[in-house]
Amino acid sequence: MKKFLTDSKLKKMLAPMVFIFFFFALLVNANAQSISGNFIKAPAVVSATGSITPGLIVGSDVVIRDANKAVAKSTTTYVWESASDPEFTKNVKLNLATTRDYNPGTLTETTYLRRNVIISCDRLKFGGNSTTEPILFTVN
């Protein structure tokens, strides 16, 4: 029986396919992106008896970067949320504010607050979100 494909013929056939695969992988990775910098800073007062007025919770700016670590222009939406438990399953309130920073006013019960950032970038064809760790305000 005659052997149709020799090792050298097989290598010649596969070489262009391997090149196309790696070129495509590089092209896809050129648009890779990451969201960084979504942090909130707890105010000085986080615990009190009766009620608490914590003041301004300062949030960081959020940055989206492409695969080359260059900052990409994007649209950022902030959504502040509160709940009575750290898993955000009880007494959840959404859309408390849509600003980078947030002043919750006077709290009369123990409350967890966090910020969700929704970001989109047309150039990178990317959209995503990032949620901060919650801050606990304890009212005794």
Protein backbone atom coordinates (compact mmCIF):
# COMPACT_ATOMS: atom_id res chain seq x y z
CA MET A 1 0.00 0.00 0.00
CA LYS A 2 1.34 3.38 -0.98
CA LYS A 3 1.73 6.05 1.69
CA PHE A 4 0.04 9.26 0.48
CA LEU A 5 1.19 11.65 3.19
CA THR A 6 4.82 11.71 4.11
CA ASP A 7 6.05 13.62 7.15
CA SER A 8 7.43 16.41 4.97
CA LYS A 9 4.15 16.78 3.06
CA LEU A 10 2.20 16.86 6.31
CA LYS A 11 4.49 19.55 7.72
CA LYS A 12 4.07 21.66 4.57
CA MET A 13 0.29 21.36 4.83
CA LEU A 14 0.11 22.20 8.53
CA ALA A 15 2.56 25.13 8.54
CA PRO A 16 0.11 27.66 7.02
CA MET A 17 -2.68 26.50 9.34
CA VAL A 18 -0.48 26.91 12.41
CA PHE A 19 0.52 30.40 11.26
CA ILE A 20 -3.12 31.39 10.70
CA PHE A 21 -4.07 30.06 14.15
CA PHE A 22 -1.33 32.03 15.94
CA PHE A 23 -2.05 35.19 13.92
CA PHE A 24 -5.74 34.95 14.87
CA ALA A 25 -4.81 34.39 18.54
CA LEU A 26 -2.63 37.53 18.49
CA LEU A 27 -5.40 39.51 16.82
CA VAL A 28 -7.95 38.44 19.44
CA ASN A 29 -5.56 39.15 22.32
CA ALA A 30 -4.81 42.62 20.93
CA ASN A 31 -8.28 43.61 22.15
CA ALA A 32 -7.89 42.03 25.59
CA GLN A 33 -8.96 44.36 28.37
CA SER A 34 -9.15 44.71 32.12
CA ILE A 35 -11.01 46.86 34.61
CA SER A 36 -8.97 48.19 37.50
CA GLY A 37 -9.25 50.67 40.31
CA ASN A 38 -12.74 50.08 41.72
CA PHE A 39 -12.27 50.86 45.41
CA ILE A 40 -14.25 52.73 48.05
CA LYS A 41 -12.84 54.22 51.24
CA ALA A 42 -14.70 53.92 54.52
CA PRO A 43 -15.24 57.19 56.39
CA ALA A 44 -13.76 57.64 59.88
CA VAL A 45 -17.01 56.76 61.69
CA VAL A 46 -18.45 53.31 60.94
CA SER A 47 -20.10 52.45 64.26
CA ALA A 48 -22.45 54.32 66.62
CA THR A 49 -25.37 53.94 69.02
CA GLY A 50 -28.87 54.94 67.85
CA SER A 51 -27.88 56.30 64.43
CA ILE A 52 -24.82 57.10 62.39
CA THR A 53 -24.05 59.85 59.89
CA PRO A 54 -20.89 58.55 58.25
CA GLY A 55 -20.32 61.35 55.77
CA LEU A 56 -18.92 61.01 52.27
CA ILE A 57 -17.75 57.60 51.03
CA VAL A 58 -15.04 58.34 48.49
CA GLY A 59 -14.74 56.10 45.45
CA SER A 60 -11.77 55.73 43.14
CA ASP A 61 -11.77 56.38 39.42
CA VAL A 62 -12.14 53.23 37.35
CA VAL A 63 -9.83 52.53 34.44
CA ILE A 64 -10.14 50.14 31.51
CA ARG A 65 -6.95 49.10 29.73
CA ASP A 66 -6.30 47.31 26.47
CA ALA A 67 -3.81 44.47 26.01
CA ASN A 68 -0.94 46.98 25.74
CA LYS A 69 -1.90 48.47 29.13
CA ALA A 70 -3.03 51.69 27.42
CA VAL A 71 -5.99 53.46 29.01
CA ALA A 72 -9.06 53.24 26.80
CA LYS A 73 -11.82 55.87 26.71
CA SER A 74 -14.97 54.35 28.13
CA THR A 75 -18.42 55.09 29.50
CA THR A 76 -18.69 54.51 33.25
CA THR A 77 -21.90 54.19 35.27
CA TYR A 78 -21.83 53.98 39.07
CA VAL A 79 -24.59 52.25 41.04
CA TRP A 80 -24.54 52.40 44.86
CA GLU A 81 -26.33 49.62 46.74
CA SER A 82 -27.20 48.88 50.37
CA ALA A 83 -28.33 45.78 52.25
CA SER A 84 -28.68 44.49 55.80
CA ASP A 85 -26.38 41.48 55.17
CA PRO A 86 -22.93 41.11 53.57
CA GLU A 87 -24.25 38.81 50.80
CA PHE A 88 -26.70 41.52 49.67
CA THR A 89 -29.74 39.23 49.85
CA LYS A 90 -31.80 41.02 52.57
CA ASN A 91 -33.38 44.48 52.39
CA VAL A 92 -31.44 45.32 49.24
CA LYS A 93 -31.77 48.86 47.90
CA LEU A 94 -30.37 49.63 44.46
CA ASN A 95 -29.61 52.89 42.69
CA LEU A 96 -29.02 54.88 45.85
CA ALA A 97 -26.77 57.14 43.78
CA THR A 98 -25.09 57.13 40.40
CA THR A 99 -22.03 59.21 41.28
CA ARG A 100 -18.42 58.22 41.94
CA ASP A 101 -18.72 59.22 45.63
CA TYR A 102 -21.73 58.78 47.89
CA ASN A 103 -23.07 60.32 51.10
CA PRO A 104 -25.61 57.93 52.64
CA GLY A 105 -26.99 60.49 55.10
CA THR A 106 -28.14 59.26 58.53
CA LEU A 107 -28.38 55.49 58.97
CA THR A 108 -30.63 54.13 61.74
CA GLU A 109 -29.88 50.42 61.30
CA THR A 110 -26.83 48.31 60.54
CA THR A 111 -26.13 48.68 56.81
CA TYR A 112 -23.71 47.36 54.22
CA LEU A 113 -22.89 49.69 51.33
CA ARG A 114 -21.05 48.90 48.10
CA ARG A 115 -20.52 50.38 44.67
CA ASN A 116 -21.06 48.58 41.38
CA VAL A 117 -19.36 50.00 38.30
CA ILE A 118 -20.69 49.27 34.83
CA ILE A 119 -18.25 50.13 32.07
CA SER A 120 -18.35 49.97 28.29
CA CYS A 121 -15.81 50.72 25.61
CA ASP A 122 -16.83 50.78 21.95
CA ARG A 123 -13.24 50.69 20.63
CA LEU A 124 -12.49 47.45 22.46
CA LYS A 125 -15.99 46.05 21.96
CA PHE A 126 -16.03 45.47 25.70
CA GLY A 127 -18.52 45.84 28.50
CA GLY A 128 -18.26 44.63 32.04
CA ASN A 129 -18.79 45.41 35.66
CA SER A 130 -16.88 45.45 38.92
CA THR A 131 -18.25 45.48 42.47
CA THR A 132 -16.38 46.73 45.54
CA GLU A 133 -16.14 44.94 48.83
CA PRO A 134 -18.95 46.29 51.07
CA ILE A 135 -18.39 48.68 53.97
CA LEU A 136 -20.22 47.79 57.17
CA PHE A 137 -21.90 50.57 59.20
CA THR A 138 -22.97 49.23 62.59
CA VAL A 139 -25.82 50.86 64.52
CA ASN A 140 -26.28 49.54 68.09
